[in-house]
Every structure is written in C-alpha cells, then in structure tokens.
Amino acid sequence: MTVRNAATGAVIARRVEIATTHADRAIGLLGRSHLERGEGLLIAPCRGVHTCFMRFPIDVLELDADGVIVDCAPALRPWRIRLPRPRSVSVLELPAGTIAFTSTRVGDKVRLDP
C-alpha cells in the first residue's frame, strides 16, 4: 500500500505493511534493525505506541478515523512511550526523517492507495 499526504500530494511511504491482528500489532517493528526510506507500518486499531526494545528511532503519525493526522512524533527514540491521543485510531510508523522530508503536519489528511 502507498500512503500519500492528500494536502500536498507528497508520497509519505510507498511500501506500507498493515498490522491488524493482535500478534502483528504487538510485534510491530520489533526485531528489525531499520526501516528503509519509503517503508512503513500501519497499526490499526492503535492509539499509542512504545519503542521499547527497538534499535532505531522512528517517525510516528497518529491518525483519526478519517485519516487526518492528530499527532506527529518525529524521530521517536528507542525506549520511549507515546501515550494515546484523543481521536487517534491508528498509527503509521515511518523511518526517522520522513515527517520533515515530506512536510507532513498535524491536520493533514493521508490517503491510502492499494
């Protein structure tokens, strides 16, 4: 799946995996050594994340039910906890630097394309 910023047209990620099962959501990016530019993990349902046991920082976008970004966490380092945000229903995890590179911000809407 590809994720685009509907406000700017920027491609946020070209290769997004989706974690919807309890097991996939619990594992997330654990065990990986990095994410390549253009990769991402969409976790749904999800309202908050942690980076415990991770080996690299990530950018985190929290989305509401309409795909509007309700919170951004650029370069969230390992061993951090991101508490649930109001209206958040899913989380998009991306390589650190993606938020800045794509000029993505709170209030932008993302579009998911197959």
PDB file of N, CA and C in Angstrom:
ATOM      1  N   MET A   1       0.839  -1.163   0.000  1.00  0.00           N
ATOM      2  CA  MET A   1       0.000   0.000   0.000  1.00  0.00           C
ATOM      3  C   MET A   1       0.895   1.240   0.000  1.00  0.00           C
ATOM      4  N   THR A   2       0.434   2.286  -0.662  1.00  0.00           N
ATOM      5  CA  THR A   2       1.114   3.575  -0.688  1.00  0.00           C
ATOM      6  C   THR A   2       0.327   4.563   0.171  1.00  0.00           C
ATOM      7  N   VAL A   3       1.033   5.411   0.904  1.00  0.00           N
ATOM      8  CA  VAL A   3       0.399   6.433   1.721  1.00  0.00           C
ATOM      9  C   VAL A   3       0.854   7.790   1.188  1.00  0.00           C
ATOM     10  N   ARG A   4      -0.135   8.643   0.874  1.00  0.00           N
ATOM     11  CA  ARG A   4       0.131   9.996   0.372  1.00  0.00           C
ATOM     12  C   ARG A   4      -0.452  11.035   1.311  1.00  0.00           C
ATOM     13  N   ASN A   5       0.177  12.195   1.323  1.00  0.00           N
ATOM     14  CA  ASN A   5      -0.369  13.336   2.023  1.00  0.00           C
ATOM     15  C   ASN A   5      -1.362  13.982   1.064  1.00  0.00           C
ATOM     16  N   ALA A   6      -2.649  13.900   1.361  1.00  0.00           N
ATOM     17  CA  ALA A   6      -3.679  14.426   0.464  1.00  0.00           C
ATOM     18  C   ALA A   6      -3.580  15.940   0.325  1.00  0.00           C
ATOM     19  N   ALA A   7      -3.044  16.620   1.330  1.00  0.00           N
ATOM     20  CA  ALA A   7      -2.938  18.081   1.290  1.00  0.00           C
ATOM     21  C   ALA A   7      -1.852  18.541   0.328  1.00  0.00           C
ATOM     22  N   THR A   8      -0.733  17.808   0.276  1.00  0.00           N
ATOM     23  CA  THR A   8       0.406  18.238  -0.532  1.00  0.00           C
ATOM     24  C   THR A   8       0.673  17.351  -1.737  1.00  0.00           C
ATOM     25  N   GLY A   9       0.119  16.143  -1.720  1.00  0.00           N
ATOM     26  CA  GLY A   9       0.393  15.177  -2.779  1.00  0.00           C
ATOM     27  C   GLY A   9       1.675  14.389  -2.566  1.00  0.00           C
ATOM     28  N   ALA A  10       2.430  14.712  -1.530  1.00  0.00           N
ATOM     29  CA  ALA A  10       3.698  14.030  -1.265  1.00  0.00           C
ATOM     30  C   ALA A  10       3.458  12.561  -0.909  1.00  0.00           C
ATOM     31  N   VAL A  11       4.312  11.692  -1.421  1.00  0.00           N
ATOM     32  CA  VAL A  11       4.271  10.286  -1.039  1.00  0.00           C
ATOM     33  C   VAL A  11       4.999  10.152   0.288  1.00  0.00           C
ATOM     34  N   ILE A  12       4.272   9.718   1.293  1.00  0.00           N
ATOM     35  CA  ILE A  12       4.853   9.534   2.623  1.00  0.00           C
ATOM     36  C   ILE A  12       5.570   8.191   2.686  1.00  0.00           C
ATOM     37  N   ALA A  13       4.961   7.156   2.109  1.00  0.00           N
ATOM     38  CA  ALA A  13       5.580   5.826   2.075  1.00  0.00           C
ATOM     39  C   ALA A  13       5.009   5.040   0.900  1.00  0.00           C
ATOM     40  N   ARG A  14       5.867   4.306   0.222  1.00  0.00           N
ATOM     41  CA  ARG A  14       5.448   3.509  -0.941  1.00  0.00           C
ATOM     42  C   ARG A  14       5.178   2.047  -0.601  1.00  0.00           C
ATOM     43  N   ARG A  15       5.793   1.563   0.454  1.00  0.00           N
ATOM     44  CA  ARG A  15       5.642   0.159   0.844  1.00  0.00           C
ATOM     45  C   ARG A  15       5.213   0.088   2.306  1.00  0.00           C
ATOM     46  N   VAL A  16       3.910   0.066   2.517  1.00  0.00           N
ATOM     47  CA  VAL A  16       3.376   0.062   3.879  1.00  0.00           C
ATOM     48  C   VAL A  16       2.747  -1.286   4.181  1.00  0.00           C
ATOM     49  N   GLU A  17       3.219  -1.892   5.240  1.00  0.00           N
ATOM     50  CA  GLU A  17       2.598  -3.118   5.747  1.00  0.00           C
ATOM     51  C   GLU A  17       1.494  -2.705   6.711  1.00  0.00           C
ATOM     52  N   ILE A  18       0.504  -3.583   6.859  1.00  0.00           N
ATOM     53  CA  ILE A  18      -0.592  -3.304   7.780  1.00  0.00           C
ATOM     54  C   ILE A  18      -0.604  -4.367   8.870  1.00  0.00           C
ATOM     55  N   ALA A  19      -0.637  -3.916  10.108  1.00  0.00           N
ATOM     56  CA  ALA A  19      -0.709  -4.822  11.257  1.00  0.00           C
ATOM     57  C   ALA A  19      -2.092  -4.671  11.879  1.00  0.00           C
ATOM     58  N   THR A  20      -2.934  -5.690  11.693  1.00  0.00           N
ATOM     59  CA  THR A  20      -4.291  -5.617  12.234  1.00  0.00           C
ATOM     60  C   THR A  20      -4.579  -6.713  13.258  1.00  0.00           C
ATOM     61  N   THR A  21      -3.809  -7.799  13.224  1.00  0.00           N
ATOM     62  CA  THR A  21      -4.048  -8.856  14.208  1.00  0.00           C
ATOM     63  C   THR A  21      -3.372  -8.480  15.526  1.00  0.00           C
ATOM     64  N   HIS A  22      -3.836  -9.074  16.598  1.00  0.00           N
ATOM     65  CA  HIS A  22      -3.245  -8.788  17.907  1.00  0.00           C
ATOM     66  C   HIS A  22      -1.750  -9.091  17.893  1.00  0.00           C
ATOM     67  N   ALA A  23      -1.364 -10.214  17.324  1.00  0.00           N
ATOM     68  CA  ALA A  23       0.055 -10.607  17.282  1.00  0.00           C
ATOM     69  C   ALA A  23       0.874  -9.620  16.460  1.00  0.00           C
ATOM     70  N   ASP A  24       0.394  -9.267  15.276  1.00  0.00           N
ATOM     71  CA  ASP A  24       1.133  -8.321  14.422  1.00  0.00           C
ATOM     72  C   ASP A  24       1.262  -6.953  15.080  1.00  0.00           C
ATOM     73  N   ARG A  25       0.204  -6.513  15.752  1.00  0.00           N
ATOM     74  CA  ARG A  25       0.248  -5.213  16.432  1.00  0.00           C
ATOM     75  C   ARG A  25       1.220  -5.249  17.609  1.00  0.00           C
ATOM     76  N   ALA A  26       1.257  -6.365  18.326  1.00  0.00           N
ATOM     77  CA  ALA A  26       2.147  -6.485  19.478  1.00  0.00           C
ATOM     78  C   ALA A  26       3.614  -6.512  19.053  1.00  0.00           C
ATOM     79  N   ILE A  27       3.905  -7.165  17.940  1.00  0.00           N
ATOM     80  CA  ILE A  27       5.289  -7.276  17.462  1.00  0.00           C
ATOM     81  C   ILE A  27       5.734  -5.994  16.770  1.00  0.00           C
ATOM     82  N   GLY A  28       4.873  -5.409  15.950  1.00  0.00           N
ATOM     83  CA  GLY A  28       5.211  -4.169  15.267  1.00  0.00           C
ATOM     84  C   GLY A  28       6.546  -4.251  14.548  1.00  0.00           C
ATOM     85  N   LEU A  29       7.442  -3.344  14.868  1.00  0.00           N
ATOM     86  CA  LEU A  29       8.765  -3.298  14.227  1.00  0.00           C
ATOM     87  C   LEU A  29       9.856  -3.982  15.048  1.00  0.00           C
ATOM     88  N   LEU A  30       9.467  -4.608  16.156  1.00  0.00           N
ATOM     89  CA  LEU A  30      10.464  -5.291  16.982  1.00  0.00           C
ATOM     90  C   LEU A  30      11.192  -6.351  16.166  1.00  0.00           C
ATOM     91  N   GLY A  31      12.469  -6.467  16.372  1.00  0.00           N
ATOM     92  CA  GLY A  31      13.266  -7.449  15.659  1.00  0.00           C
ATOM     93  C   GLY A  31      13.890  -6.911  14.380  1.00  0.00           C
ATOM     94  N   ARG A  32      13.430  -5.765  13.927  1.00  0.00           N
ATOM     95  CA  ARG A  32      14.032  -5.159  12.733  1.00  0.00           C
ATOM     96  C   ARG A  32      15.183  -4.250  13.152  1.00  0.00           C
ATOM     97  N   SER A  33      16.144  -4.110  12.265  1.00  0.00           N
ATOM     98  CA  SER A  33      17.282  -3.245  12.566  1.00  0.00           C
ATOM     99  C   SER A  33      17.096  -1.839  12.001  1.00  0.00           C
ATOM    100  N   HIS A  34      16.132  -1.672  11.089  1.00  0.00           N
ATOM    101  CA  HIS A  34      15.877  -0.360  10.496  1.00  0.00           C
ATOM    102  C   HIS A  34      14.654  -0.427   9.590  1.00  0.00           C
ATOM    103  N   LEU A  35      14.209   0.719   9.132  1.00  0.00           N
ATOM    104  CA  LEU A  35      13.211   0.836   8.071  1.00  0.00           C
ATOM    105  C   LEU A  35      13.885   1.587   6.930  1.00  0.00           C
ATOM    106  N   GLU A  36      13.704   1.117   5.721  1.00  0.00           N
ATOM    107  CA  GLU A  36      14.230   1.822   4.553  1.00  0.00           C
ATOM    108  C   GLU A  36      13.346   3.029   4.258  1.00  0.00           C
ATOM    109  N   ARG A  37      13.912   4.049   3.632  1.00  0.00           N
ATOM    110  CA  ARG A  37      13.107   5.196   3.187  1.00  0.00           C
ATOM    111  C   ARG A  37      11.996   4.662   2.285  1.00  0.00           C
ATOM    112  N   GLY A  38      10.786   5.125   2.502  1.00  0.00           N
ATOM    113  CA  GLY A  38       9.646   4.671   1.703  1.00  0.00           C
ATOM    114  C   GLY A  38       8.882   3.518   2.311  1.00  0.00           C
ATOM    115  N   GLU A  39       9.411   2.917   3.387  1.00  0.00           N
ATOM    116  CA  GLU A  39       8.703   1.831   4.067  1.00  0.00           C
ATOM    117  C   GLU A  39       7.905   2.388   5.237  1.00  0.00           C
ATOM    118  N   GLY A  40       6.940   1.606   5.701  1.00  0.00           N
ATOM    119  CA  GLY A  40       6.169   1.998   6.860  1.00  0.00           C
ATOM    120  C   GLY A  40       5.344   0.852   7.389  1.00  0.00           C
ATOM    121  N   LEU A  41       4.813   1.036   8.576  1.00  0.00           N
ATOM    122  CA  LEU A  41       3.926   0.059   9.198  1.00  0.00           C
ATOM    123  C   LEU A  41       2.714   0.808   9.727  1.00  0.00           C
ATOM    124  N   LEU A  42       1.533   0.429   9.239  1.00  0.00           N
ATOM    125  CA  LEU A  42       0.273   0.984   9.719  1.00  0.00           C
ATOM    126  C   LEU A  42      -0.296   0.008  10.735  1.00  0.00           C
ATOM    127  N   ILE A  43      -0.510   0.478  11.953  1.00  0.00           N
ATOM    128  CA  ILE A  43      -1.031  -0.359  13.029  1.00  0.00           C
ATOM    129  C   ILE A  43      -2.453   0.105  13.318  1.00  0.00           C
ATOM    130  N   ALA A  44      -3.405  -0.822  13.142  1.00  0.00           N
ATOM    131  CA  ALA A  44      -4.818  -0.473  13.336  1.00  0.00           C
ATOM    132  C   ALA A  44      -5.577  -1.666  13.910  1.00  0.00           C
ATOM    133  N   PRO A  45      -6.366  -1.483  14.920  1.00  0.00           N
ATOM    134  CA  PRO A  45      -6.519  -0.250  15.676  1.00  0.00           C
ATOM    135  C   PRO A  45      -5.316  -0.044  16.596  1.00  0.00           C
ATOM    136  N   CYS A  46      -5.027   1.227  16.865  1.00  0.00           N
ATOM    137  CA  CYS A  46      -3.909   1.571  17.739  1.00  0.00           C
ATOM    138  C   CYS A  46      -4.036   3.038  18.120  1.00  0.00           C
ATOM    139  N   ARG A  47      -3.807   3.343  19.388  1.00  0.00           N
ATOM    140  CA  ARG A  47      -3.903   4.734  19.845  1.00  0.00           C
ATOM    141  C   ARG A  47      -2.597   5.253  20.413  1.00  0.00           C
ATOM    142  N   GLY A  48      -1.667   4.389  20.714  1.00  0.00           N
ATOM    143  CA  GLY A  48      -0.387   4.796  21.272  1.00  0.00           C
ATOM    144  C   GLY A  48       0.644   3.729  20.996  1.00  0.00           C
ATOM    145  N   VAL A  49       1.905   4.098  21.037  1.00  0.00           N
ATOM    146  CA  VAL A  49       2.973   3.140  20.742  1.00  0.00           C
ATOM    147  C   VAL A  49       4.103   3.289  21.749  1.00  0.00           C
ATOM    148  N   HIS A  50       4.970   2.296  21.743  1.00  0.00           N
ATOM    149  CA  HIS A  50       6.209   2.381  22.511  1.00  0.00           C
ATOM    150  C   HIS A  50       7.350   1.929  21.601  1.00  0.00           C
ATOM    151  N   THR A  51       8.543   2.327  21.959  1.00  0.00           N
ATOM    152  CA  THR A  51       9.718   1.904  21.184  1.00  0.00           C
ATOM    153  C   THR A  51      10.674   1.085  22.055  1.00  0.00           C
ATOM    154  N   CYS A  52      10.116   0.459  23.092  1.00  0.00           N
ATOM    155  CA  CYS A  52      10.926  -0.404  23.944  1.00  0.00           C
ATOM    156  C   CYS A  52      11.464  -1.579  23.123  1.00  0.00           C
ATOM    157  N   PHE A  53      12.710  -1.903  23.313  1.00  0.00           N
ATOM    158  CA  PHE A  53      13.415  -2.994  22.636  1.00  0.00           C
ATOM    159  C   PHE A  53      13.700  -2.711  21.162  1.00  0.00           C
ATOM    160  N   MET A  54      13.370  -1.521  20.686  1.00  0.00           N
ATOM    161  CA  MET A  54      13.688  -1.183  19.295  1.00  0.00           C
ATOM    162  C   MET A  54      15.127  -0.707  19.211  1.00  0.00           C
ATOM    163  N   ARG A  55      15.688  -0.799  17.998  1.00  0.00           N
ATOM    164  CA  ARG A  55      17.097  -0.468  17.794  1.00  0.00           C
ATOM    165  C   ARG A  55      17.312   0.839  17.037  1.00  0.00           C
ATOM    166  N   PHE A  56      16.225   1.527  16.685  1.00  0.00           N
ATOM    167  CA  PHE A  56      16.365   2.716  15.853  1.00  0.00           C
ATOM    168  C   PHE A  56      15.196   3.664  16.099  1.00  0.00           C
ATOM    169  N   PRO A  57      15.391   4.960  15.852  1.00  0.00           N
ATOM    170  CA  PRO A  57      14.294   5.916  16.004  1.00  0.00           C
ATOM    171  C   PRO A  57      13.323   5.822  14.831  1.00  0.00           C
ATOM    172  N   ILE A  58      12.075   6.226  15.078  1.00  0.00           N
ATOM    173  CA  ILE A  58      11.047   6.225  14.032  1.00  0.00           C
ATOM    174  C   ILE A  58      10.240   7.515  14.105  1.00  0.00           C
ATOM    175  N   ASP A  59       9.649   7.880  12.981  1.00  0.00           N
ATOM    176  CA  ASP A  59       8.640   8.936  12.956  1.00  0.00           C
ATOM    177  C   ASP A  59       7.289   8.269  13.154  1.00  0.00           C
ATOM    178  N   VAL A  60       6.412   8.901  13.913  1.00  0.00           N
ATOM    179  CA  VAL A  60       5.093   8.335  14.204  1.00  0.00           C
ATOM    180  C   VAL A  60       4.014   9.355  13.845  1.00  0.00           C
ATOM    181  N   LEU A  61       3.041   8.903  13.057  1.00  0.00           N
ATOM    182  CA  LEU A  61       1.852   9.702  12.756  1.00  0.00           C
ATOM    183  C   LEU A  61       0.654   9.000  13.366  1.00  0.00           C
ATOM    184  N   GLU A  62      -0.118   9.722  14.169  1.00  0.00           N
ATOM    185  CA  GLU A  62      -1.351   9.162  14.716  1.00  0.00           C
ATOM    186  C   GLU A  62      -2.502   9.710  13.897  1.00  0.00           C
ATOM    187  N   LEU A  63      -3.389   8.817  13.451  1.00  0.00           N
ATOM    188  CA  LEU A  63      -4.470   9.168  12.537  1.00  0.00           C
ATOM    189  C   LEU A  63      -5.835   8.968  13.184  1.00  0.00           C
ATOM    190  N   ASP A  64      -6.792   9.823  12.813  1.00  0.00           N
ATOM    191  CA  ASP A  64      -8.162   9.606  13.261  1.00  0.00           C
ATOM    192  C   ASP A  64      -8.890   8.715  12.253  1.00  0.00           C
ATOM    193  N   ALA A  65     -10.167   8.493  12.464  1.00  0.00           N
ATOM    194  CA  ALA A  65     -10.934   7.575  11.610  1.00  0.00           C
ATOM    195  C   ALA A  65     -11.035   8.051  10.165  1.00  0.00           C
ATOM    196  N   ASP A  66     -10.850   9.340   9.921  1.00  0.00           N
ATOM    197  CA  ASP A  66     -10.912   9.890   8.564  1.00  0.00           C
ATOM    198  C   ASP A  66      -9.546  10.008   7.906  1.00  0.00           C
ATOM    199  N   GLY A  67      -8.489   9.566   8.601  1.00  0.00           N
ATOM    200  CA  GLY A  67      -7.145   9.657   8.043  1.00  0.00           C
ATOM    201  C   GLY A  67      -6.478  11.000   8.275  1.00  0.00           C
ATOM    202  N   VAL A  68      -7.046  11.818   9.151  1.00  0.00           N
ATOM    203  CA  VAL A  68      -6.447  13.108   9.477  1.00  0.00           C
ATOM    204  C   VAL A  68      -5.406  12.891  10.580  1.00  0.00           C
ATOM    205  N   ILE A  69      -4.251  13.515  10.423  1.00  0.00           N
ATOM    206  CA  ILE A  69      -3.181  13.380  11.400  1.00  0.00           C
ATOM    207  C   ILE A  69      -3.534  14.198  12.640  1.00  0.00           C
ATOM    208  N   VAL A  70      -3.628  13.502  13.788  1.00  0.00           N
ATOM    209  CA  VAL A  70      -3.959  14.183  15.037  1.00  0.00           C
ATOM    210  C   VAL A  70      -2.734  14.404  15.907  1.00  0.00           C
ATOM    211  N   ASP A  71      -1.613  13.734  15.571  1.00  0.00           N
ATOM    212  CA  ASP A  71      -0.375  13.929  16.326  1.00  0.00           C
ATOM    213  C   ASP A  71       0.797  13.424  15.503  1.00  0.00           C
ATOM    214  N   CYS A  72       1.932  14.091  15.641  1.00  0.00           N
ATOM    215  CA  CYS A  72       3.180  13.695  14.983  1.00  0.00           C
ATOM    216  C   CYS A  72       4.267  13.554  16.039  1.00  0.00           C
ATOM    217  N   ALA A  73       5.088  12.546  15.899  1.00  0.00           N
ATOM    218  CA  ALA A  73       6.244  12.386  16.779  1.00  0.00           C
ATOM    219  C   ALA A  73       7.459  12.105  15.900  1.00  0.00           C
ATOM    220  N   PRO A  74       8.213  13.143  15.555  1.00  0.00           N
ATOM    221  CA  PRO A  74       9.397  12.915  14.725  1.00  0.00           C
ATOM    222  C   PRO A  74      10.540  12.309  15.530  1.00  0.00           C
ATOM    223  N   ALA A  75      11.234  11.355  14.906  1.00  0.00           N
ATOM    224  CA  ALA A  75      12.449  10.742  15.479  1.00  0.00           C
ATOM    225  C   ALA A  75      12.252  10.268  16.915  1.00  0.00           C
ATOM    226  N   LEU A  76      11.196   9.505  17.137  1.00  0.00           N
ATOM    227  CA  LEU A  76      10.945   8.920  18.459  1.00  0.00           C
ATOM    228  C   LEU A  76      12.019   7.872  18.724  1.00  0.00           C
ATOM    229  N   ARG A  77      12.836   8.118  19.730  1.00  0.00           N
ATOM    230  CA  ARG A  77      13.983   7.246  20.012  1.00  0.00           C
ATOM    231  C   ARG A  77      13.550   5.965  20.724  1.00  0.00           C
ATOM    232  N   PRO A  78      14.427   4.954  20.696  1.00  0.00           N
ATOM    233  CA  PRO A  78      14.142   3.719  21.444  1.00  0.00           C
ATOM    234  C   PRO A  78      13.899   4.007  22.926  1.00  0.00           C
ATOM    235  N   TRP A  79      13.073   3.165  23.531  1.00  0.00           N
ATOM    236  CA  TRP A  79      12.732   3.214  24.943  1.00  0.00           C
ATOM    237  C   TRP A  79      11.882   4.433  25.302  1.00  0.00           C
ATOM    238  N   ARG A  80      10.999   4.811  24.381  1.00  0.00           N
ATOM    239  CA  ARG A  80      10.059   5.891  24.647  1.00  0.00           C
ATOM    240  C   ARG A  80       8.638   5.345  24.575  1.00  0.00           C
ATOM    241  N   ILE A  81       7.713   6.013  25.238  1.00  0.00           N
ATOM    242  CA  ILE A  81       6.298   5.639  25.212  1.00  0.00           C
ATOM    243  C   ILE A  81       5.508   6.835  24.711  1.00  0.00           C
ATOM    244  N   ARG A  82       4.629   6.577  23.781  1.00  0.00           N
ATOM    245  CA  ARG A  82       3.737   7.610  23.232  1.00  0.00           C
ATOM    246  C   ARG A  82       2.333   7.266  23.713  1.00  0.00           C
ATOM    247  N   LEU A  83       1.820   8.046  24.644  1.00  0.00           N
ATOM    248  CA  LEU A  83       0.504   7.766  25.208  1.00  0.00           C
ATOM    249  C   LEU A  83      -0.589   8.039  24.177  1.00  0.00           C
ATOM    250  N   PRO A  84      -1.741   7.406  24.345  1.00  0.00           N
ATOM    251  CA  PRO A  84      -2.850   7.619  23.407  1.00  0.00           C
ATOM    252  C   PRO A  84      -3.238   9.083  23.294  1.00  0.00           C
ATOM    253  N   ARG A  85      -3.586   9.491  22.090  1.00  0.00           N
ATOM    254  CA  ARG A  85      -4.036  10.848  21.819  1.00  0.00           C
ATOM    255  C   ARG A  85      -5.534  10.818  21.524  1.00  0.00           C
ATOM    256  N   PRO A  86      -6.253  11.870  21.899  1.00  0.00           N
ATOM    257  CA  PRO A  86      -7.685  11.915  21.595  1.00  0.00           C
ATOM    258  C   PRO A  86      -7.931  11.754  20.095  1.00  0.00           C
ATOM    259  N   ARG A  87      -8.953  11.001  19.745  1.00  0.00           N
ATOM    260  CA  ARG A  87      -9.408  10.748  18.373  1.00  0.00           C
ATOM    261  C   ARG A  87      -8.505   9.806  17.578  1.00  0.00           C
ATOM    262  N   SER A  88      -7.361   9.416  18.121  1.00  0.00           N
ATOM    263  CA  SER A  88      -6.455   8.526  17.392  1.00  0.00           C
ATOM    264  C   SER A  88      -7.036   7.120  17.308  1.00  0.00           C
ATOM    265  N   VAL A  89      -7.016   6.541  16.103  1.00  0.00           N
ATOM    266  CA  VAL A  89      -7.497   5.166  15.920  1.00  0.00           C
ATOM    267  C   VAL A  89      -6.453   4.274  15.265  1.00  0.00           C
ATOM    268  N   SER A  90      -5.430   4.883  14.642  1.00  0.00           N
ATOM    269  CA  SER A  90      -4.364   4.099  14.024  1.00  0.00           C
ATOM    270  C   SER A  90      -3.064   4.893  14.059  1.00  0.00           C
ATOM    271  N   VAL A  91      -1.967   4.167  13.888  1.00  0.00           N
ATOM    272  CA  VAL A  91      -0.638   4.766  13.946  1.00  0.00           C
ATOM    273  C   VAL A  91       0.154   4.311  12.727  1.00  0.00           C
ATOM    274  N   LEU A  92       0.845   5.263  12.104  1.00  0.00           N
ATOM    275  CA  LEU A  92       1.730   4.965  10.983  1.00  0.00           C
ATOM    276  C   LEU A  92       3.158   5.190  11.452  1.00  0.00           C
ATOM    277  N   GLU A  93       3.958   4.115  11.447  1.00  0.00           N
ATOM    278  CA  GLU A  93       5.358   4.195  11.842  1.00  0.00           C
ATOM    279  C   GLU A  93       6.215   4.267  10.582  1.00  0.00           C
ATOM    280  N   LEU A  94       7.159   5.210  10.580  1.00  0.00           N
ATOM    281  CA  LEU A  94       7.961   5.517   9.397  1.00  0.00           C
ATOM    282  C   LEU A  94       9.426   5.693   9.775  1.00  0.00           C
ATOM    283  N   PRO A  95      10.324   5.643   8.789  1.00  0.00           N
ATOM    284  CA  PRO A  95      11.730   5.926   9.093  1.00  0.00           C
ATOM    285  C   PRO A  95      11.885   7.350   9.625  1.00  0.00           C
ATOM    286  N   ALA A  96      12.774   7.521  10.579  1.00  0.00           N
ATOM    287  CA  ALA A  96      13.029   8.858  11.117  1.00  0.00           C
ATOM    288  C   ALA A  96      13.414   9.793   9.978  1.00  0.00           C
ATOM    289  N   GLY A  97      12.862  10.990  10.005  1.00  0.00           N
ATOM    290  CA  GLY A  97      13.131  11.979   8.981  1.00  0.00           C
ATOM    291  C   GLY A  97      12.041  12.106   7.939  1.00  0.00           C
ATOM    292  N   THR A  98      11.119  11.150   7.891  1.00  0.00           N
ATOM    293  CA  THR A  98      10.057  11.160   6.889  1.00  0.00           C
ATOM    294  C   THR A  98       9.112  12.338   7.073  1.00  0.00           C
ATOM    295  N   ILE A  99       8.756  12.651   8.314  1.00  0.00           N
ATOM    296  CA  ILE A  99       7.831  13.754   8.569  1.00  0.00           C
ATOM    297  C   ILE A  99       8.406  15.056   8.005  1.00  0.00           C
ATOM    298  N   ALA A 100       9.663  15.332   8.299  1.00  0.00           N
ATOM    299  CA  ALA A 100      10.292  16.558   7.803  1.00  0.00           C
ATOM    300  C   ALA A 100      10.468  16.518   6.292  1.00  0.00           C
ATOM    301  N   PHE A 101      10.917  15.385   5.757  1.00  0.00           N
ATOM    302  CA  PHE A 101      11.188  15.254   4.323  1.00  0.00           C
ATOM    303  C   PHE A 101       9.933  15.481   3.485  1.00  0.00           C
ATOM    304  N   THR A 102       8.771  15.044   4.006  1.00  0.00           N
ATOM    305  CA  THR A 102       7.518  15.158   3.254  1.00  0.00           C
ATOM    306  C   THR A 102       6.681  16.368   3.683  1.00  0.00           C
ATOM    307  N   SER A 103       7.206  17.177   4.596  1.00  0.00           N
ATOM    308  CA  SER A 103       6.489  18.364   5.112  1.00  0.00           C
ATOM    309  C   SER A 103       5.094  18.010   5.622  1.00  0.00           C
ATOM    310  N   THR A 104       5.012  16.902   6.319  1.00  0.00           N
ATOM    311  CA  THR A 104       3.741  16.425   6.864  1.00  0.00           C
ATOM    312  C   THR A 104       3.530  17.030   8.238  1.00  0.00           C
ATOM    313  N   ARG A 105       2.278  17.416   8.529  1.00  0.00           N
ATOM    314  CA  ARG A 105       2.000  18.048   9.825  1.00  0.00           C
ATOM    315  C   ARG A 105       0.606  17.685  10.327  1.00  0.00           C
ATOM    316  N   VAL A 106       0.385  17.971  11.599  1.00  0.00           N
ATOM    317  CA  VAL A 106      -0.922  17.751  12.217  1.00  0.00           C
ATOM    318  C   VAL A 106      -1.964  18.516  11.415  1.00  0.00           C
ATOM    319  N   GLY A 107      -3.098  17.850  11.170  1.00  0.00           N
ATOM    320  CA  GLY A 107      -4.191  18.442  10.399  1.00  0.00           C
ATOM    321  C   GLY A 107      -4.227  17.995   8.948  1.00  0.00           C
ATOM    322  N   ASP A 108      -3.068  17.523   8.423  1.00  0.00           N
ATOM    323  CA  ASP A 108      -3.051  16.984   7.062  1.00  0.00           C
ATOM    324  C   ASP A 108      -3.833  15.674   7.033  1.00  0.00           C
ATOM    325  N   LYS A 109      -4.413  15.370   5.892  1.00  0.00           N
ATOM    326  CA  LYS A 109      -5.119  14.105   5.713  1.00  0.00           C
ATOM    327  C   LYS A 109      -4.237  13.198   4.868  1.00  0.00           C
ATOM    328  N   VAL A 110      -4.157  11.928   5.262  1.00  0.00           N
ATOM    329  CA  VAL A 110      -3.419  10.966   4.456  1.00  0.00           C
ATOM    330  C   VAL A 110      -4.370  10.098   3.671  1.00  0.00           C
ATOM    331  N   ARG A 111      -3.931   9.675   2.521  1.00  0.00           N
ATOM    332  CA  ARG A 111      -4.715   8.818   1.655  1.00  0.00           C
ATOM    333  C   ARG A 111      -3.972   7.497   1.478  1.00  0.00           C
ATOM    334  N   LEU A 112      -4.695   6.407   1.651  1.00  0.00           N
ATOM    335  CA  LEU A 112      -4.117   5.072   1.495  1.00  0.00           C
ATOM    336  C   LEU A 112      -4.516   4.540   0.121  1.00  0.00           C
ATOM    337  N   ASP A 113      -3.526   4.237  -0.705  1.00  0.00           N
ATOM    338  CA  ASP A 113      -3.770   3.696  -2.050  1.00  0.00           C
ATOM    339  C   ASP A 113      -3.230   2.279  -2.128  1.00  0.00           C
ATOM    340  N   PRO A 114      -4.028   1.363  -2.703  1.00  0.00           N
ATOM    341  CA  PRO A 114      -3.538  -0.019  -2.829  1.00  0.00           C
ATOM    342  C   PRO A 114      -2.351  -0.127  -3.774  1.00  0.00           C
TER     343      PRO A 114
END
